[in-house]
C-alpha atoms as a PDB file:
ATOM      1  CA  GLU A   1       2.667  51.931 -45.293  1.00  0.00           C
ATOM      2  CA  LYS A   2       0.489  52.735 -48.329  1.00  0.00           C
ATOM      3  CA  GLU A   3      -2.491  50.998 -46.736  1.00  0.00           C
ATOM      4  CA  ILE A   4      -2.221  52.547 -43.277  1.00  0.00           C
ATOM      5  CA  LEU A   5      -4.345  55.492 -42.171  1.00  0.00           C
ATOM      6  CA  TYR A   6      -3.079  57.802 -39.443  1.00  0.00           C
ATOM      7  CA  ARG A   7      -4.701  60.297 -37.085  1.00  0.00           C
ATOM      8  CA  ASP A   8      -2.206  63.050 -37.802  1.00  0.00           C
ATOM      9  CA  GLY A   9      -2.430  65.234 -40.883  1.00  0.00           C
ATOM     10  CA  ALA A  10      -5.852  66.905 -40.576  1.00  0.00           C
ATOM     11  CA  ARG A  11      -5.781  70.509 -41.789  1.00  0.00           C
ATOM     12  CA  PRO A  12      -8.220  73.420 -41.608  1.00  0.00           C
ATOM     13  CA  GLY A  13     -10.410  73.326 -44.705  1.00  0.00           C
ATOM     14  CA  ASP A  14     -10.490  69.518 -44.887  1.00  0.00           C
ATOM     15  CA  VAL A  15     -13.938  67.967 -45.124  1.00  0.00           C
ATOM     16  CA  ILE A  16     -14.887  65.154 -42.749  1.00  0.00           C
ATOM     17  CA  PHE A  17     -16.358  61.945 -44.154  1.00  0.00           C
ATOM     18  CA  SER A  18     -17.985  58.994 -42.388  1.00  0.00           C
ATOM     19  CA  THR A  19     -18.250  55.613 -44.100  1.00  0.00           C
ATOM     20  CA  GLY A  20     -21.522  54.648 -42.450  1.00  0.00           C
ATOM     21  CA  PHE A  21     -24.289  55.145 -39.917  1.00  0.00           C
ATOM     22  CA  LEU A  22     -23.464  56.251 -36.392  1.00  0.00           C
ATOM     23  CA  GLY A  23     -25.204  55.347 -33.130  1.00  0.00           C
ATOM     24  CA  ASP A  24     -26.713  51.979 -34.106  1.00  0.00           C
ATOM     25  CA  SER A  25     -24.416  49.901 -31.901  1.00  0.00           C
ATOM     26  CA  ARG A  26     -25.117  52.053 -28.852  1.00  0.00           C
ATOM     27  CA  ALA A  27     -28.846  51.627 -29.417  1.00  0.00           C
ATOM     28  CA  GLY A  28     -28.374  47.853 -29.598  1.00  0.00           C
ATOM     29  CA  LEU A  29     -26.453  47.932 -26.327  1.00  0.00           C
ATOM     30  CA  HIS A  30     -29.244  49.983 -24.739  1.00  0.00           C
ATOM     31  CA  LEU A  31     -31.721  47.258 -25.697  1.00  0.00           C
ATOM     32  CA  ILE A  32     -29.547  44.601 -24.061  1.00  0.00           C
ATOM     33  CA  LEU A  33     -28.773  46.531 -20.873  1.00  0.00           C
ATOM     34  CA  ASN A  34     -32.400  47.515 -20.340  1.00  0.00           C
ATOM     35  CA  GLY A  35     -33.980  44.181 -21.240  1.00  0.00           C
ATOM     36  CA  ILE A  36     -35.985  45.700 -24.083  1.00  0.00           C
ATOM     37  CA  GLU A  37     -37.352  43.088 -26.454  1.00  0.00           C
ATOM     38  CA  ALA A  38     -36.316  43.517 -30.085  1.00  0.00           C
ATOM     39  CA  ASP A  39     -39.912  43.279 -31.293  1.00  0.00           C
ATOM     40  CA  SER A  40     -39.490  44.972 -34.664  1.00  0.00           C
ATOM     41  CA  GLU A  41     -37.157  44.612 -37.632  1.00  0.00           C
ATOM     42  CA  ALA A  42     -35.599  47.977 -36.738  1.00  0.00           C
ATOM     43  CA  LEU A  43     -34.752  46.906 -33.191  1.00  0.00           C
ATOM     44  CA  LYS A  44     -33.438  43.546 -34.401  1.00  0.00           C
ATOM     45  CA  ALA A  45     -31.141  45.386 -36.813  1.00  0.00           C
ATOM     46  CA  LEU A  46     -29.839  47.588 -33.981  1.00  0.00           C
ATOM     47  CA  LEU A  47     -29.201  44.537 -31.822  1.00  0.00           C
ATOM     48  CA  SER A  48     -27.286  42.977 -34.703  1.00  0.00           C
ATOM     49  CA  ALA A  49     -25.278  46.190 -35.186  1.00  0.00           C
ATOM     50  CA  HIS A  50     -24.017  45.833 -31.617  1.00  0.00           C
ATOM     51  CA  ILE A  51     -23.438  42.083 -31.587  1.00  0.00           C
ATOM     52  CA  LEU A  52     -22.023  41.766 -35.122  1.00  0.00           C
ATOM     53  CA  PRO A  53     -20.580  45.160 -36.122  1.00  0.00           C
ATOM     54  CA  LYS A  54     -19.493  45.590 -39.728  1.00  0.00           C
ATOM     55  CA  PRO A  55     -15.729  45.855 -40.207  1.00  0.00           C
ATOM     56  CA  TYR A  56     -14.738  48.475 -42.787  1.00  0.00           C
ATOM     57  CA  LEU A  57     -11.480  46.753 -43.780  1.00  0.00           C
ATOM     58  CA  ARG A  58     -11.812  46.967 -47.566  1.00  0.00           C
ATOM     59  CA  GLU A  59     -13.057  50.517 -47.303  1.00  0.00           C
ATOM     60  CA  GLY A  60     -10.097  51.445 -45.103  1.00  0.00           C
ATOM     61  CA  ARG A  61      -7.610  50.004 -47.588  1.00  0.00           C
ATOM     62  CA  PHE A  62      -9.343  51.866 -50.402  1.00  0.00           C
ATOM     63  CA  LEU A  63      -9.196  55.169 -48.508  1.00  0.00           C
ATOM     64  CA  ALA A  64      -5.553  54.663 -47.533  1.00  0.00           C
ATOM     65  CA  ARG A  65      -4.611  54.504 -51.225  1.00  0.00           C
ATOM     66  CA  GLN A  66      -6.326  57.797 -52.093  1.00  0.00           C
ATOM     67  CA  ASN A  67      -4.426  61.043 -52.584  1.00  0.00           C
ATOM     68  CA  GLY A  68      -5.959  63.745 -50.445  1.00  0.00           C
ATOM     69  CA  ILE A  69      -6.844  61.677 -47.361  1.00  0.00           C
ATOM     70  CA  HIS A  70      -5.085  63.536 -44.563  1.00  0.00           C
ATOM     71  CA  SER A  71      -6.145  61.579 -41.466  1.00  0.00           C
ATOM     72  CA  ALA A  72      -8.512  58.836 -40.359  1.00  0.00           C
ATOM     73  CA  ILE A  73      -9.780  56.934 -37.336  1.00  0.00           C
ATOM     74  CA  ASP A  74     -12.360  54.239 -36.661  1.00  0.00           C
ATOM     75  CA  VAL A  75     -15.349  55.086 -34.482  1.00  0.00           C
ATOM     76  CA  SER A  76     -14.864  52.771 -31.521  1.00  0.00           C
ATOM     77  CA  ASP A  77     -15.522  55.278 -28.724  1.00  0.00           C
ATOM     78  CA  GLY A  78     -18.126  57.514 -30.401  1.00  0.00           C
ATOM     79  CA  LEU A  79     -18.089  60.206 -33.067  1.00  0.00           C
ATOM     80  CA  SER A  80     -17.256  63.114 -30.765  1.00  0.00           C
ATOM     81  CA  SER A  81     -14.642  61.189 -28.788  1.00  0.00           C
ATOM     82  CA  ASP A  82     -12.825  59.727 -31.792  1.00  0.00           C
ATOM     83  CA  LEU A  83     -12.978  62.927 -33.827  1.00  0.00           C
ATOM     84  CA  GLY A  84     -11.638  64.613 -30.693  1.00  0.00           C
ATOM     85  CA  HIS A  85      -8.521  62.405 -30.923  1.00  0.00           C
ATOM     86  CA  ILE A  86      -7.854  63.746 -34.432  1.00  0.00           C
ATOM     87  CA  LEU A  87      -8.442  67.334 -33.317  1.00  0.00           C
ATOM     88  CA  ARG A  88      -6.061  67.084 -30.359  1.00  0.00           C
ATOM     89  CA  GLU A  89      -3.396  65.291 -32.408  1.00  0.00           C
ATOM     90  CA  ASN A  90      -3.439  68.041 -35.032  1.00  0.00           C
ATOM     91  CA  LYS A  91      -4.308  71.048 -32.820  1.00  0.00           C
ATOM     92  CA  VAL A  92      -7.328  71.904 -34.971  1.00  0.00           C
ATOM     93  CA  GLY A  93     -11.090  72.234 -34.523  1.00  0.00           C
ATOM     94  CA  ALA A  94     -14.139  70.905 -36.331  1.00  0.00           C
ATOM     95  CA  CYS A  95     -17.608  72.024 -37.308  1.00  0.00           C
ATOM     96  CA  LEU A  96     -20.170  69.234 -37.726  1.00  0.00           C
ATOM     97  CA  TYR A  97     -23.477  69.651 -39.547  1.00  0.00           C
ATOM     98  CA  SER A  98     -26.215  68.022 -37.461  1.00  0.00           C
ATOM     99  CA  GLU A  99     -28.444  67.468 -40.503  1.00  0.00           C
ATOM    100  CA  GLU A 100     -25.677  65.508 -42.264  1.00  0.00           C
ATOM    101  CA  ILE A 101     -24.839  63.045 -39.475  1.00  0.00           C
ATOM    102  CA  PRO A 102     -25.684  59.636 -40.996  1.00  0.00           C
ATOM    103  CA  LEU A 103     -28.532  58.172 -38.950  1.00  0.00           C
ATOM    104  CA  SER A 104     -30.211  54.921 -39.934  1.00  0.00           C
ATOM    105  CA  GLU A 105     -33.990  54.654 -40.125  1.00  0.00           C
ATOM    106  CA  ASN A 106     -33.632  51.941 -37.478  1.00  0.00           C
ATOM    107  CA  LEU A 107     -32.001  54.385 -35.063  1.00  0.00           C
ATOM    108  CA  ARG A 108     -34.590  57.051 -35.845  1.00  0.00           C
ATOM    109  CA  GLU A 109     -37.409  54.603 -35.025  1.00  0.00           C
ATOM    110  CA  PHE A 110     -35.676  53.586 -31.789  1.00  0.00           C
ATOM    111  CA  CYS A 111     -35.214  57.228 -30.735  1.00  0.00           C
ATOM    112  CA  VAL A 112     -38.820  58.175 -31.492  1.00  0.00           C
ATOM    113  CA  ARG A 113     -40.027  55.195 -29.494  1.00  0.00           C
ATOM    114  CA  LEU A 114     -37.828  55.949 -26.469  1.00  0.00           C
ATOM    115  CA  ASN A 115     -37.796  59.749 -26.784  1.00  0.00           C
ATOM    116  CA  PHE A 116     -34.038  60.040 -27.366  1.00  0.00           C
ATOM    117  CA  ASP A 117     -32.130  62.509 -29.546  1.00  0.00           C
ATOM    118  CA  PRO A 118     -30.584  60.474 -32.403  1.00  0.00           C
ATOM    119  CA  VAL A 119     -27.840  63.043 -33.031  1.00  0.00           C
ATOM    120  CA  LYS A 120     -26.684  62.790 -29.412  1.00  0.00           C
ATOM    121  CA  TYR A 121     -26.717  59.018 -29.786  1.00  0.00           C
ATOM    122  CA  ALA A 122     -24.488  59.304 -32.845  1.00  0.00           C
ATOM    123  CA  LEU A 123     -22.114  61.685 -31.084  1.00  0.00           C
ATOM    124  CA  SER A 124     -21.509  59.580 -27.995  1.00  0.00           C
ATOM    125  CA  GLY A 125     -22.292  56.043 -29.112  1.00  0.00           C
ATOM    126  CA  GLY A 126     -19.325  53.737 -29.567  1.00  0.00           C
ATOM    127  CA  GLU A 127     -18.428  50.505 -31.321  1.00  0.00           C
ATOM    128  CA  ASP A 128     -19.896  51.405 -34.703  1.00  0.00           C
ATOM    129  CA  TYR A 129     -16.429  50.957 -36.289  1.00  0.00           C
ATOM    130  CA  THR A 130     -17.302  53.203 -39.195  1.00  0.00           C
ATOM    131  CA  LEU A 131     -14.331  55.184 -40.446  1.00  0.00           C
ATOM    132  CA  LEU A 132     -13.922  58.930 -40.141  1.00  0.00           C
ATOM    133  CA  CYS A 133     -11.482  60.594 -42.478  1.00  0.00           C
ATOM    134  CA  THR A 134     -10.441  64.136 -43.235  1.00  0.00           C
ATOM    135  CA  VAL A 135      -9.966  64.919 -46.902  1.00  0.00           C
ATOM    136  CA  SER A 136      -8.667  67.906 -48.820  1.00  0.00           C
ATOM    137  CA  ARG A 137     -11.617  69.774 -50.301  1.00  0.00           C
ATOM    138  CA  ASP A 138     -10.013  69.590 -53.767  1.00  0.00           C
ATOM    139  CA  ASN A 139     -10.100  65.775 -53.691  1.00  0.00           C
ATOM    140  CA  ALA A 140     -13.373  65.227 -51.827  1.00  0.00           C
ATOM    141  CA  ASP A 141     -15.731  64.935 -54.809  1.00  0.00           C
ATOM    142  CA  ARG A 142     -13.421  62.542 -56.666  1.00  0.00           C
ATOM    143  CA  ILE A 143     -12.895  60.314 -53.638  1.00  0.00           C
ATOM    144  CA  ALA A 144     -16.624  60.249 -52.835  1.00  0.00           C
ATOM    145  CA  ALA A 145     -17.471  59.343 -56.448  1.00  0.00           C
ATOM    146  CA  ASP A 146     -14.823  56.590 -56.595  1.00  0.00           C
ATOM    147  CA  TYR A 147     -15.985  55.241 -53.238  1.00  0.00           C
ATOM    148  CA  LEU A 148     -19.594  55.092 -54.439  1.00  0.00           C
ATOM    149  CA  LYS A 149     -18.527  53.341 -57.642  1.00  0.00           C
ATOM    150  CA  THR A 150     -16.378  50.818 -55.757  1.00  0.00           C
ATOM    151  CA  PHE A 151     -18.686  49.982 -52.836  1.00  0.00           C
ATOM    152  CA  ASP A 152     -22.134  51.074 -54.044  1.00  0.00           C
ATOM    153  CA  GLN A 153     -22.296  53.083 -50.829  1.00  0.00           C
ATOM    154  CA  GLN A 154     -21.935  56.800 -50.298  1.00  0.00           C
ATOM    155  CA  LEU A 155     -19.426  58.584 -48.122  1.00  0.00           C
ATOM    156  CA  TYR A 156     -21.244  60.939 -45.773  1.00  0.00           C
ATOM    157  CA  LEU A 157     -19.834  64.474 -45.621  1.00  0.00           C
ATOM    158  CA  ILE A 158     -20.552  65.436 -42.017  1.00  0.00           C
ATOM    159  CA  GLY A 159     -18.457  68.540 -41.421  1.00  0.00           C
ATOM    160  CA  GLU A 160     -15.142  70.272 -41.869  1.00  0.00           C
ATOM    161  CA  ILE A 161     -11.889  70.858 -40.039  1.00  0.00           C
ATOM    162  CA  THR A 162     -11.428  74.400 -38.728  1.00  0.00           C
ATOM    163  CA  ASP A 163      -8.712  76.370 -36.982  1.00  0.00           C
ATOM    164  CA  SER A 164     -10.992  77.138 -34.000  1.00  0.00           C
ATOM    165  CA  GLY A 165      -9.409  74.564 -31.690  1.00  0.00           C
ATOM    166  CA  LYS A 166     -12.848  73.350 -30.587  1.00  0.00           C
ATOM    167  CA  MET A 167     -15.616  71.066 -31.796  1.00  0.00           C
ATOM    168  CA  GLU A 168     -18.867  72.713 -32.806  1.00  0.00           C
ATOM    169  CA  MET A 169     -22.147  71.659 -34.356  1.00  0.00           C
ATOM    170  CA  VAL A 170     -24.391  73.673 -36.648  1.00  0.00           C
ATOM    171  CA  ARG A 171     -28.088  72.993 -36.073  1.00  0.00           C
ATOM    172  CA  PRO A 172     -30.705  73.304 -38.856  1.00  0.00           C
ATOM    173  CA  ASN A 173     -31.744  76.735 -37.556  1.00  0.00           C
ATOM    174  CA  GLY A 174     -28.170  78.009 -37.938  1.00  0.00           C
ATOM    175  CA  GLU A 175     -27.447  77.865 -34.214  1.00  0.00           C
ATOM    176  CA  ILE A 176     -23.861  76.843 -33.437  1.00  0.00           C
ATOM    177  CA  ARG A 177     -23.200  74.876 -30.263  1.00  0.00           C
ATOM    178  CA  ASP A 178     -19.975  73.676 -28.711  1.00  0.00           C
ATOM    179  CA  ILE A 179     -19.565  69.918 -28.350  1.00  0.00           C
ATOM    180  CA  ILE A 180     -17.670  68.544 -25.379  1.00  0.00           C
ATOM    181  CA  PRO A 181     -16.260  65.239 -26.680  1.00  0.00           C
ATOM    182  CA  SER A 182     -17.482  62.175 -24.844  1.00  0.00           C
ATOM    183  CA  GLY A 183     -18.217  58.595 -25.627  1.00  0.00           C
ATOM    184  CA  TRP A 184     -17.655  55.051 -24.568  1.00  0.00           C
ATOM    185  CA  ASN A 185     -15.421  54.447 -21.576  1.00  0.00           C
ATOM    186  CA  HIS A 186     -13.984  50.977 -22.188  1.00  0.00           C
ATOM    187  CA  PHE A 187     -12.903  50.738 -18.544  1.00  0.00           C
ATOM    188  CA  GLY A 188     -16.213  51.919 -17.073  1.00  0.00           C
ATOM    189  CA  THR A 189     -19.737  50.613 -17.101  1.00  0.00           C
ATOM    190  CA  GLU A 190     -21.716  53.369 -18.786  1.00  0.00           C
ATOM    191  CA  LYS A 191     -21.769  55.687 -21.703  1.00  0.00           C
ATOM    192  CA  VAL A 192     -21.075  59.339 -21.056  1.00  0.00           C
ATOM    193  CA  ARG A 193     -23.551  61.779 -22.548  1.00  0.00           C
ATOM    194  CA  ASP A 194     -22.475  64.487 -24.918  1.00  0.00           C
ATOM    195  CA  ARG A 195     -23.101  67.983 -23.757  1.00  0.00           C
ATOM    196  CA  ILE A 196     -24.119  70.201 -26.657  1.00  0.00           C
END
């Protein structure tokens, strides 16, 4: 029980952390499905992210032992879809900061090359298996510092839980847009695009 993370428990005012980059696996899948040769180190890394995703098992056990973690989920269906599960379970909303979504340089290169929006890729891409967790603001700095010390890797603060009942994203210019959760359909054949 002490090493299990649950979806329920998110509260308005919680911050939202991600343990890693989002969207890389979807980009790797795009390469495969479209027969695009992985002709650079960046594209090879994206292919690897899809074929051999990193499990965050140790990180999950670490987070489960921390006071102040209110809820968590792994990103198997996409950031917006999986965060949406937490929001529905707890009848809360969320505000994401587009500038803080963790995007790898590999994904950025891929998106420049193919003229895609990397933030949309992160929102609707699945099978990254990073962990999302909601954390009380009072404990966030301590948990982030302990995580960095333990894993030599930062936790990415990507947003906060609100009482709005909807998912929103703040753009760099201050514009706020609604996000309609979407992501990987494990019983279908395609990704569904986020509408923001």
